[in-house]
N, C-alpha and C. Protein backbone atom coordinates (compact mmCIF):
# COMPACT_ATOMS: atom_id res chain seq x y z
N MET A 1 121.27 78.30 102.55
CA MET A 1 120.14 79.15 102.44
C MET A 1 119.21 78.67 101.32
N ASP A 2 117.87 78.82 101.57
CA ASP A 2 116.97 78.58 100.53
C ASP A 2 116.61 79.81 99.79
N LEU A 3 115.84 79.69 98.77
CA LEU A 3 115.51 80.94 97.87
C LEU A 3 114.76 81.99 98.73
N GLU A 4 113.84 81.58 99.59
CA GLU A 4 113.09 82.50 100.40
C GLU A 4 114.08 83.24 101.45
N GLN A 5 114.91 82.52 101.95
CA GLN A 5 115.96 83.20 102.90
C GLN A 5 116.77 84.22 102.07
N ILE A 6 117.20 83.84 100.84
CA ILE A 6 117.98 84.80 100.05
C ILE A 6 117.09 86.01 99.67
N ARG A 7 115.87 85.77 99.36
CA ARG A 7 115.00 86.88 99.01
C ARG A 7 114.80 87.83 100.26
N GLN A 8 114.59 87.22 101.43
CA GLN A 8 114.43 88.06 102.63
C GLN A 8 115.72 88.81 102.92
N LEU A 9 116.84 88.14 102.70
CA LEU A 9 118.16 88.87 102.98
C LEU A 9 118.26 90.11 102.05
N ILE A 10 117.90 89.94 100.87
CA ILE A 10 118.04 91.06 99.85
C ILE A 10 117.07 92.14 100.30
N LEU A 11 115.93 91.88 100.73
CA LEU A 11 115.10 92.87 101.22
C LEU A 11 115.63 93.58 102.45
N GLU A 12 116.18 92.79 103.39
CA GLU A 12 116.76 93.38 104.54
C GLU A 12 117.96 94.27 104.27
N MET A 13 118.65 94.00 103.12
CA MET A 13 119.75 94.80 102.72
C MET A 13 119.36 96.12 102.06
N GLY A 14 118.18 96.29 101.65
CA GLY A 14 117.69 97.55 101.23
C GLY A 14 116.96 97.55 99.90
N ALA A 15 116.72 96.37 99.32
CA ALA A 15 115.80 96.30 98.13
C ALA A 15 114.41 96.77 98.42
N TYR A 16 113.78 97.33 97.45
CA TYR A 16 112.43 97.79 97.67
C TYR A 16 111.45 96.58 97.57
N ARG A 17 111.77 95.67 96.62
CA ARG A 17 110.97 94.41 96.51
C ARG A 17 111.94 93.34 96.03
N ALA A 18 111.59 92.17 96.17
CA ALA A 18 112.33 90.99 95.68
C ALA A 18 111.47 89.78 95.39
N GLY A 19 111.66 89.03 94.34
CA GLY A 19 110.95 87.88 94.10
C GLY A 19 111.81 86.85 93.27
N VAL A 20 111.21 85.61 93.26
CA VAL A 20 111.96 84.53 92.73
C VAL A 20 111.31 84.06 91.39
N VAL A 21 112.09 83.80 90.41
CA VAL A 21 111.66 83.41 89.10
C VAL A 21 112.43 82.19 88.58
N ALA A 22 111.86 81.25 88.04
CA ALA A 22 112.66 80.08 87.36
C ALA A 22 113.24 80.69 86.12
N VAL A 23 114.52 80.34 85.90
CA VAL A 23 115.21 80.83 84.73
C VAL A 23 114.40 80.48 83.45
N GLU A 24 113.92 79.24 83.47
CA GLU A 24 113.13 78.89 82.29
C GLU A 24 111.94 79.78 81.99
N ASP A 25 111.51 80.55 82.91
CA ASP A 25 110.36 81.44 82.72
C ASP A 25 110.84 82.90 82.30
N ILE A 26 111.98 83.20 82.24
CA ILE A 26 112.56 84.50 81.85
C ILE A 26 112.37 84.62 80.39
N ASP A 27 111.92 85.83 79.96
CA ASP A 27 111.80 86.20 78.54
C ASP A 27 113.13 86.79 78.04
N PHE A 28 113.80 86.02 77.26
CA PHE A 28 115.08 86.47 76.71
C PHE A 28 114.77 86.97 75.28
N GLN A 29 115.28 88.17 75.03
CA GLN A 29 115.11 88.80 73.73
C GLN A 29 116.39 89.36 73.23
N PRO A 30 117.13 88.72 72.32
CA PRO A 30 118.43 89.22 71.80
C PRO A 30 118.30 90.62 71.30
N ASP A 31 117.12 91.04 70.76
CA ASP A 31 116.99 92.40 70.15
C ASP A 31 117.09 93.49 71.24
N PHE A 32 117.00 93.15 72.55
CA PHE A 32 117.22 94.20 73.49
C PHE A 32 118.68 94.74 73.41
N ARG A 33 119.55 94.06 72.85
CA ARG A 33 121.03 94.61 72.72
C ARG A 33 120.86 95.70 71.71
N LYS A 34 119.93 95.83 70.78
CA LYS A 34 119.92 97.03 69.99
C LYS A 34 119.80 98.36 70.70
N LEU A 35 119.17 98.24 71.88
CA LEU A 35 119.06 99.45 72.80
C LEU A 35 120.43 99.93 73.15
N CYS A 36 121.28 98.94 73.46
CA CYS A 36 122.63 99.22 73.84
C CYS A 36 123.39 99.72 72.60
N GLU A 37 123.18 99.24 71.52
CA GLU A 37 123.85 99.67 70.28
C GLU A 37 123.54 101.02 69.87
N ASN A 38 122.34 101.56 70.27
CA ASN A 38 122.04 102.94 70.04
C ASN A 38 122.76 103.92 70.94
N ASN A 39 123.44 103.35 71.93
CA ASN A 39 124.39 104.12 72.79
C ASN A 39 123.75 105.30 73.51
N VAL A 40 122.58 105.07 73.96
CA VAL A 40 121.86 106.18 74.68
C VAL A 40 122.67 106.59 75.97
N CYS A 41 123.28 105.59 76.56
CA CYS A 41 124.02 105.94 77.78
C CYS A 41 125.39 106.38 77.65
N GLY A 42 125.92 106.19 76.41
CA GLY A 42 127.29 106.65 76.03
C GLY A 42 128.38 105.56 76.37
N MET A 43 127.99 104.34 76.90
CA MET A 43 128.96 103.43 77.25
C MET A 43 129.15 102.26 76.27
N TYR A 44 128.51 102.24 75.12
CA TYR A 44 128.64 101.14 74.12
C TYR A 44 130.21 101.10 73.66
N GLY A 45 130.74 100.03 73.95
CA GLY A 45 132.20 99.81 73.53
C GLY A 45 133.16 100.48 74.44
N ARG A 46 132.67 101.08 75.57
CA ARG A 46 133.57 101.85 76.47
C ARG A 46 133.66 101.16 77.83
N SER A 47 133.01 100.08 78.01
CA SER A 47 133.08 99.36 79.38
C SER A 47 133.20 97.87 79.06
N TRP A 48 134.01 97.15 79.86
CA TRP A 48 134.16 95.72 79.68
C TRP A 48 132.83 94.98 79.93
N MET A 49 131.95 95.57 80.70
CA MET A 49 130.62 94.99 81.05
C MET A 49 129.48 95.35 80.21
N CYS A 50 129.70 96.26 79.25
CA CYS A 50 128.77 96.64 78.27
C CYS A 50 129.00 96.06 76.95
N PRO A 51 127.97 95.98 76.10
CA PRO A 51 128.17 95.52 74.68
C PRO A 51 129.06 96.48 73.99
N PRO A 52 129.78 95.92 72.95
CA PRO A 52 129.78 94.53 72.55
C PRO A 52 130.80 93.76 73.34
N LEU A 53 131.59 94.49 74.23
CA LEU A 53 132.68 93.81 74.96
C LEU A 53 132.29 92.73 75.96
N VAL A 54 131.03 92.82 76.52
CA VAL A 54 130.67 91.84 77.53
C VAL A 54 130.48 90.46 76.81
N GLY A 55 130.16 90.39 75.51
CA GLY A 55 130.05 89.10 74.87
C GLY A 55 128.97 89.12 73.84
N GLU A 56 128.86 88.10 73.12
CA GLU A 56 127.77 87.92 72.12
C GLU A 56 126.52 87.66 72.91
N VAL A 57 125.37 88.25 72.56
CA VAL A 57 124.13 88.07 73.36
C VAL A 57 123.65 86.65 73.30
N ASP A 58 123.76 85.92 72.15
CA ASP A 58 123.21 84.58 72.21
C ASP A 58 124.07 83.66 73.21
N GLU A 59 125.41 83.96 73.27
CA GLU A 59 126.25 83.24 74.17
C GLU A 59 125.91 83.57 75.66
N LEU A 60 125.61 84.86 75.90
CA LEU A 60 125.28 85.20 77.26
C LEU A 60 123.97 84.66 77.64
N ILE A 61 122.97 84.61 76.77
CA ILE A 61 121.67 84.01 77.05
C ILE A 61 121.84 82.50 77.37
N ALA A 62 122.70 81.88 76.57
CA ALA A 62 122.92 80.40 76.77
C ALA A 62 123.63 80.18 78.17
N SER A 63 124.47 81.11 78.49
CA SER A 63 125.17 80.97 79.84
C SER A 63 124.17 81.12 81.01
N LEU A 64 123.15 81.92 80.79
CA LEU A 64 122.09 82.12 81.94
C LEU A 64 121.27 80.96 82.05
N LYS A 65 121.11 80.21 80.93
CA LYS A 65 120.11 79.07 80.96
C LYS A 65 120.71 77.90 81.71
N ARG A 66 121.92 77.98 82.18
CA ARG A 66 122.46 76.84 82.88
C ARG A 66 122.11 76.99 84.37
N TRP A 67 121.61 78.26 84.76
CA TRP A 67 121.19 78.37 86.15
C TRP A 67 119.70 77.97 86.34
N LYS A 68 119.34 77.74 87.47
CA LYS A 68 117.97 77.21 87.77
C LYS A 68 116.98 78.40 88.14
N TRP A 69 117.47 79.21 89.08
CA TRP A 69 116.65 80.21 89.80
C TRP A 69 117.31 81.63 89.53
N ALA A 70 116.37 82.60 89.55
CA ALA A 70 116.75 84.00 89.57
C ALA A 70 116.01 84.73 90.71
N VAL A 71 116.75 85.33 91.56
CA VAL A 71 116.16 86.21 92.58
C VAL A 71 116.23 87.57 92.12
N VAL A 72 115.07 88.19 91.72
CA VAL A 72 115.04 89.50 91.10
C VAL A 72 114.77 90.47 92.22
N TYR A 73 115.45 91.68 92.19
CA TYR A 73 115.17 92.71 93.15
C TYR A 73 115.19 94.00 92.57
N GLN A 74 114.47 94.99 93.22
CA GLN A 74 114.48 96.36 92.57
C GLN A 74 114.66 97.38 93.72
N THR A 75 115.18 98.46 93.20
CA THR A 75 115.13 99.75 94.02
C THR A 75 114.29 100.77 93.32
N VAL A 76 113.74 101.60 94.08
CA VAL A 76 112.87 102.69 93.55
C VAL A 76 113.31 103.94 94.36
N ASP A 77 113.60 104.91 93.45
CA ASP A 77 114.15 106.24 93.96
C ASP A 77 113.36 107.43 93.45
N ALA A 78 113.20 108.38 94.24
CA ALA A 78 112.37 109.60 93.78
C ALA A 78 113.33 110.56 93.05
N LEU A 79 112.66 111.22 92.09
CA LEU A 79 113.34 112.20 91.19
C LEU A 79 112.62 113.50 91.45
N GLU A 80 113.30 114.59 91.14
CA GLU A 80 112.64 115.92 91.24
C GLU A 80 111.56 116.05 90.14
N ASP A 81 112.00 115.55 88.94
CA ASP A 81 111.10 115.46 87.84
C ASP A 81 111.57 114.47 86.91
N SER A 82 110.83 114.19 85.71
CA SER A 82 111.27 113.10 84.82
C SER A 82 112.51 113.43 84.08
N TYR A 83 113.05 114.62 84.23
CA TYR A 83 114.32 115.02 83.53
C TYR A 83 115.51 114.99 84.54
N ASP A 84 115.39 114.47 85.71
CA ASP A 84 116.42 114.57 86.77
C ASP A 84 117.47 113.53 86.48
N PHE A 85 118.25 113.72 85.53
CA PHE A 85 119.26 112.80 85.06
C PHE A 85 120.32 112.48 86.14
N GLU A 86 120.72 113.51 86.82
CA GLU A 86 121.64 113.31 87.98
C GLU A 86 121.18 112.37 89.03
N ALA A 87 119.96 112.49 89.45
CA ALA A 87 119.33 111.59 90.32
C ALA A 87 119.16 110.11 89.79
N MET A 88 118.88 110.06 88.54
CA MET A 88 118.79 108.72 87.86
C MET A 88 120.13 108.04 87.93
N MET A 89 121.24 108.72 87.57
CA MET A 89 122.51 108.15 87.71
C MET A 89 122.98 107.75 89.17
N ALA A 90 122.72 108.66 90.04
CA ALA A 90 122.85 108.38 91.54
C ALA A 90 122.12 107.08 91.94
N ALA A 91 120.92 107.00 91.47
CA ALA A 91 120.13 105.79 91.90
C ALA A 91 120.64 104.57 91.27
N GLY A 92 121.11 104.70 90.00
CA GLY A 92 121.82 103.50 89.34
C GLY A 92 123.04 103.13 90.00
N THR A 93 123.87 104.02 90.54
CA THR A 93 125.05 103.69 91.28
C THR A 93 124.62 103.07 92.61
N LYS A 94 123.63 103.59 93.26
CA LYS A 94 123.18 102.98 94.50
C LYS A 94 122.76 101.56 94.32
N MET A 95 122.09 101.35 93.23
CA MET A 95 121.62 99.97 92.94
C MET A 95 122.79 98.98 92.78
N ASN A 96 123.73 99.44 92.02
CA ASN A 96 124.90 98.49 91.75
C ASN A 96 125.74 98.35 93.03
N ARG A 97 125.73 99.28 93.92
CA ARG A 97 126.40 99.16 95.16
C ARG A 97 125.67 98.09 96.02
N LEU A 98 124.36 98.12 96.04
CA LEU A 98 123.48 97.08 96.63
C LEU A 98 123.85 95.77 96.07
N THR A 99 123.90 95.66 94.77
CA THR A 99 124.29 94.40 94.15
C THR A 99 125.67 93.94 94.58
N ALA A 100 126.57 94.83 94.72
CA ALA A 100 127.95 94.33 95.21
C ALA A 100 127.83 93.86 96.67
N ARG A 101 127.09 94.55 97.44
CA ARG A 101 126.95 94.16 98.90
C ARG A 101 126.18 92.83 98.96
N ILE A 102 125.27 92.66 98.15
CA ILE A 102 124.49 91.34 98.13
C ILE A 102 125.53 90.20 97.75
N ARG A 103 126.28 90.44 96.69
CA ARG A 103 127.27 89.42 96.32
C ARG A 103 128.17 89.03 97.45
N ARG A 104 128.74 90.03 98.12
CA ARG A 104 129.70 89.83 99.25
C ARG A 104 128.94 89.01 100.37
N GLU A 105 127.75 89.46 100.72
CA GLU A 105 127.05 88.78 101.82
C GLU A 105 126.68 87.27 101.45
N LEU A 106 126.17 87.04 100.23
CA LEU A 106 125.99 85.68 99.79
C LEU A 106 127.23 84.83 99.82
N THR A 107 128.32 85.39 99.37
CA THR A 107 129.53 84.72 99.37
C THR A 107 129.97 84.36 100.76
N ARG A 108 129.90 85.40 101.71
CA ARG A 108 130.15 85.22 103.19
C ARG A 108 129.38 84.05 103.76
N ARG A 109 128.10 83.95 103.34
CA ARG A 109 127.19 82.90 103.84
C ARG A 109 127.31 81.61 103.12
N GLY A 110 128.29 81.50 102.19
CA GLY A 110 128.46 80.20 101.47
C GLY A 110 127.57 79.92 100.35
N VAL A 111 126.84 80.95 99.86
CA VAL A 111 125.96 80.76 98.76
C VAL A 111 126.71 81.07 97.43
N ALA A 112 127.18 80.13 96.82
CA ALA A 112 128.06 80.23 95.66
C ALA A 112 127.99 78.94 94.79
N PRO A 113 128.30 78.92 93.50
CA PRO A 113 128.52 80.12 92.81
C PRO A 113 127.12 80.80 92.38
N THR A 114 127.34 82.10 92.11
CA THR A 114 126.11 82.83 91.76
C THR A 114 126.58 83.76 90.58
N LEU A 115 125.74 84.27 89.71
CA LEU A 115 126.00 85.35 88.76
C LEU A 115 125.06 86.46 89.16
N MET A 116 125.62 87.60 89.08
CA MET A 116 124.94 88.82 89.50
C MET A 116 124.83 89.75 88.23
N LEU A 117 123.58 90.16 88.06
CA LEU A 117 123.39 91.14 86.94
C LEU A 117 122.77 92.38 87.56
N GLY A 118 123.14 93.58 87.08
CA GLY A 118 122.69 94.78 87.60
C GLY A 118 121.90 95.64 86.67
N ALA A 119 121.83 96.89 86.96
CA ALA A 119 121.13 97.92 86.26
C ALA A 119 122.16 98.84 85.44
N GLY A 120 121.91 98.82 84.16
CA GLY A 120 122.83 99.71 83.36
C GLY A 120 124.25 99.33 83.37
N GLY A 121 125.10 100.37 83.34
CA GLY A 121 126.58 100.16 83.32
C GLY A 121 127.09 99.56 84.64
N CYS A 122 128.21 99.06 84.57
CA CYS A 122 128.84 98.28 85.83
C CYS A 122 129.02 99.25 86.99
N ARG A 123 129.67 100.40 86.82
CA ARG A 123 129.91 101.35 87.93
C ARG A 123 130.72 100.95 89.03
N VAL A 124 131.43 99.73 88.94
CA VAL A 124 132.15 99.23 90.09
C VAL A 124 133.41 100.24 90.19
N CYS A 125 134.02 100.50 89.13
CA CYS A 125 135.21 101.48 89.03
C CYS A 125 134.73 102.85 88.68
N GLN A 126 135.37 103.84 89.15
CA GLN A 126 135.11 105.26 88.78
C GLN A 126 135.35 105.36 87.22
N ARG A 127 136.30 104.75 86.76
CA ARG A 127 136.63 104.77 85.30
C ARG A 127 136.99 103.44 84.78
N CYS A 128 136.26 102.91 83.83
CA CYS A 128 136.48 101.60 83.36
C CYS A 128 137.95 101.51 82.76
N ALA A 129 138.59 100.41 83.07
CA ALA A 129 140.00 100.15 82.55
C ALA A 129 139.92 100.03 81.06
N LYS A 130 138.94 99.66 80.42
CA LYS A 130 138.82 99.65 78.95
C LYS A 130 139.24 101.04 78.37
N LEU A 131 138.86 102.07 78.96
CA LEU A 131 139.17 103.38 78.38
C LEU A 131 140.60 103.72 78.42
N ASP A 132 141.36 102.96 79.21
CA ASP A 132 142.80 103.03 79.24
C ASP A 132 143.55 101.96 78.56
N GLY A 133 142.78 101.15 77.82
CA GLY A 133 143.40 99.99 77.18
C GLY A 133 143.94 98.86 78.16
N GLN A 134 143.36 98.79 79.24
CA GLN A 134 143.76 97.84 80.26
C GLN A 134 142.67 96.80 80.52
N PRO A 135 143.01 95.57 80.97
CA PRO A 135 141.98 94.58 81.34
C PRO A 135 141.09 95.04 82.55
N CYS A 136 139.98 94.40 82.67
CA CYS A 136 139.12 94.80 83.82
C CYS A 136 139.90 94.61 85.17
N ARG A 137 139.81 95.63 85.94
CA ARG A 137 140.57 95.66 87.22
C ARG A 137 139.91 94.73 88.32
N SER A 138 138.56 94.51 88.15
CA SER A 138 137.88 93.72 89.20
C SER A 138 136.85 92.78 88.62
N PRO A 139 137.32 91.79 87.75
CA PRO A 139 136.40 90.92 87.08
C PRO A 139 135.53 90.17 88.03
N GLU A 140 135.90 89.82 89.31
CA GLU A 140 135.15 89.12 90.17
C GLU A 140 133.99 89.99 90.72
N GLU A 141 134.26 91.28 90.66
CA GLU A 141 133.19 92.19 91.17
C GLU A 141 132.29 93.00 90.06
N ALA A 142 132.82 92.87 88.86
CA ALA A 142 132.08 93.59 87.79
C ALA A 142 130.61 93.19 87.66
N ILE A 143 129.77 94.11 87.29
CA ILE A 143 128.37 93.89 87.08
C ILE A 143 127.94 94.17 85.80
N PRO A 144 127.69 93.12 84.90
CA PRO A 144 127.00 93.36 83.66
C PRO A 144 125.49 93.73 83.90
N SER A 145 124.87 94.23 82.92
CA SER A 145 123.52 94.45 83.01
C SER A 145 122.57 93.44 82.53
N LEU A 146 121.40 93.48 82.95
CA LEU A 146 120.31 92.56 82.54
C LEU A 146 120.09 92.64 81.05
N GLU A 147 120.06 93.96 80.61
CA GLU A 147 119.74 94.17 79.14
C GLU A 147 120.87 93.70 78.21
N ALA A 148 122.13 93.75 78.74
CA ALA A 148 123.23 93.29 77.88
C ALA A 148 123.13 91.75 77.79
N TYR A 149 122.49 91.05 78.61
CA TYR A 149 122.26 89.61 78.57
C TYR A 149 120.80 89.31 77.83
N GLY A 150 120.26 90.32 77.25
CA GLY A 150 119.05 90.06 76.40
C GLY A 150 117.85 89.80 77.23
N ILE A 151 117.79 90.36 78.50
CA ILE A 151 116.64 89.97 79.31
C ILE A 151 115.60 91.11 79.12
N ASN A 152 114.35 90.83 78.98
CA ASN A 152 113.23 91.75 78.87
C ASN A 152 112.87 92.08 80.29
N VAL A 153 113.29 93.16 80.79
CA VAL A 153 113.02 93.46 82.22
C VAL A 153 111.72 93.87 82.48
N SER A 154 110.99 94.43 81.52
CA SER A 154 109.65 94.82 81.73
C SER A 154 108.67 93.56 81.83
N ALA A 155 109.11 92.56 81.20
CA ALA A 155 108.34 91.29 81.29
C ALA A 155 108.87 90.51 82.67
N LEU A 156 110.11 90.63 83.00
CA LEU A 156 110.61 89.98 84.24
C LEU A 156 109.91 90.51 85.48
N ALA A 157 109.74 91.78 85.49
CA ALA A 157 109.17 92.42 86.72
C ALA A 157 107.98 91.80 87.26
N PRO A 158 106.90 91.67 86.41
CA PRO A 158 105.64 91.06 86.90
C PRO A 158 105.74 89.60 87.23
N ARG A 159 106.68 88.82 86.50
CA ARG A 159 106.90 87.52 86.84
C ARG A 159 107.48 87.36 88.26
N ALA A 160 108.17 88.37 88.65
CA ALA A 160 108.72 88.34 90.03
C ALA A 160 107.86 89.05 91.05
N GLY A 161 106.71 89.49 90.57
CA GLY A 161 105.77 90.11 91.51
C GLY A 161 105.95 91.55 91.70
N MET A 162 106.59 92.27 90.79
CA MET A 162 106.95 93.71 90.85
C MET A 162 106.32 94.51 89.75
N LYS A 163 106.24 95.75 89.94
CA LYS A 163 105.87 96.72 88.90
C LYS A 163 107.17 97.11 88.25
N TYR A 164 107.12 97.40 86.96
CA TYR A 164 108.25 97.86 86.16
C TYR A 164 108.36 99.37 86.33
N ILE A 165 107.25 100.01 86.45
CA ILE A 165 107.21 101.42 86.64
C ILE A 165 106.47 101.60 87.89
N ASN A 166 107.14 102.54 88.82
CA ASN A 166 106.59 102.65 90.22
C ASN A 166 106.08 104.10 90.43
N GLY A 167 105.44 104.75 89.45
CA GLY A 167 104.88 106.03 89.64
C GLY A 167 105.56 107.14 89.01
N PRO A 168 104.96 108.34 88.96
CA PRO A 168 105.69 109.50 88.33
C PRO A 168 106.81 109.94 89.20
N ASP A 169 107.78 110.56 88.61
CA ASP A 169 108.99 111.09 89.35
C ASP A 169 109.69 110.00 90.13
N THR A 170 109.75 108.89 89.59
CA THR A 170 110.61 107.87 90.35
C THR A 170 111.40 107.15 89.19
N VAL A 171 112.49 106.55 89.67
CA VAL A 171 113.26 105.63 88.76
C VAL A 171 113.38 104.31 89.44
N THR A 172 113.18 103.22 88.63
CA THR A 172 113.22 101.90 89.23
C THR A 172 114.36 101.16 88.58
N TYR A 173 115.20 100.56 89.32
CA TYR A 173 116.28 99.72 88.76
C TYR A 173 116.16 98.25 89.28
N PHE A 174 116.59 97.35 88.47
CA PHE A 174 116.54 95.90 88.72
C PHE A 174 117.87 95.27 88.87
N GLY A 175 118.06 94.30 89.71
CA GLY A 175 119.18 93.43 89.73
C GLY A 175 118.73 91.99 89.91
N THR A 176 119.58 91.07 89.67
CA THR A 176 119.19 89.63 89.71
C THR A 176 120.39 88.86 90.12
N VAL A 177 120.07 87.90 90.97
CA VAL A 177 121.15 86.85 91.43
C VAL A 177 120.66 85.60 90.77
N PHE A 178 121.55 84.98 89.97
CA PHE A 178 121.24 83.72 89.41
C PHE A 178 121.92 82.64 90.25
N LEU A 179 121.09 81.54 90.50
CA LEU A 179 121.56 80.48 91.42
C LEU A 179 121.45 79.16 90.79
N GLU A 180 122.14 78.28 91.30
CA GLU A 180 122.30 76.80 90.80
C GLU A 180 121.02 76.09 91.01
N GLU A 181 120.92 74.96 90.44
CA GLU A 181 119.76 74.09 90.56
C GLU A 181 119.76 73.57 92.00
N GLY A 182 120.83 73.32 92.67
CA GLY A 182 121.01 72.64 93.97
C GLY A 182 120.35 73.62 95.06
N THR A 183 120.06 74.86 94.77
CA THR A 183 119.52 75.82 95.75
C THR A 183 118.11 75.32 96.06
N ALA A 184 117.80 75.28 97.33
CA ALA A 184 116.50 74.83 97.82
C ALA A 184 115.33 75.59 97.13
N PRO A 185 114.31 74.85 96.71
CA PRO A 185 113.24 75.52 95.93
C PRO A 185 112.44 76.55 96.78
N TYR A 186 111.84 77.43 96.12
CA TYR A 186 111.07 78.50 96.64
C TYR A 186 109.59 78.02 96.90
N SER A 187 109.13 78.15 98.17
CA SER A 187 107.75 77.73 98.38
C SER A 187 106.96 78.99 98.85
N ARG A 188 105.88 79.22 98.23
CA ARG A 188 105.06 80.38 98.51
C ARG A 188 104.09 80.06 99.66
């Protein structure tokens, strides 16, 4: 599959928008991890896929730079109002389920290896094994976040042809598939 076919597949699977970005054009900002350290979501140190357990940000950024392409996709969901926390969490879970389905479909079609990053916390398991002092139950399916890897998502969105904010009373989440250099280039 070439990058355009992968982008189209992601749209067909339910993404609101999808675009392709060369990894060298991604704005990496290690300071974004400070948002995680403020523990706004309550998962700092409580999930294998969240900081600090997911790894040192400089090492994670270096690991991303070995990939050539990123297919960025987004979901946009309606909220009752800007305080609709329950709908925000449900939309985040929906996004990471989409990410898991994309990973399975790409694997089924022989597109591998890839790295998948999602929105916010992993959400693959109902309860992270970290909380029980156990290793990750599903490391092949686990979904770290874009922010944990130091990616400036608000700068990534327009590079992929998307809006970062999609109107009042909506929540927008982003995911990304990282692909090897051998993947056929994207032609517009």
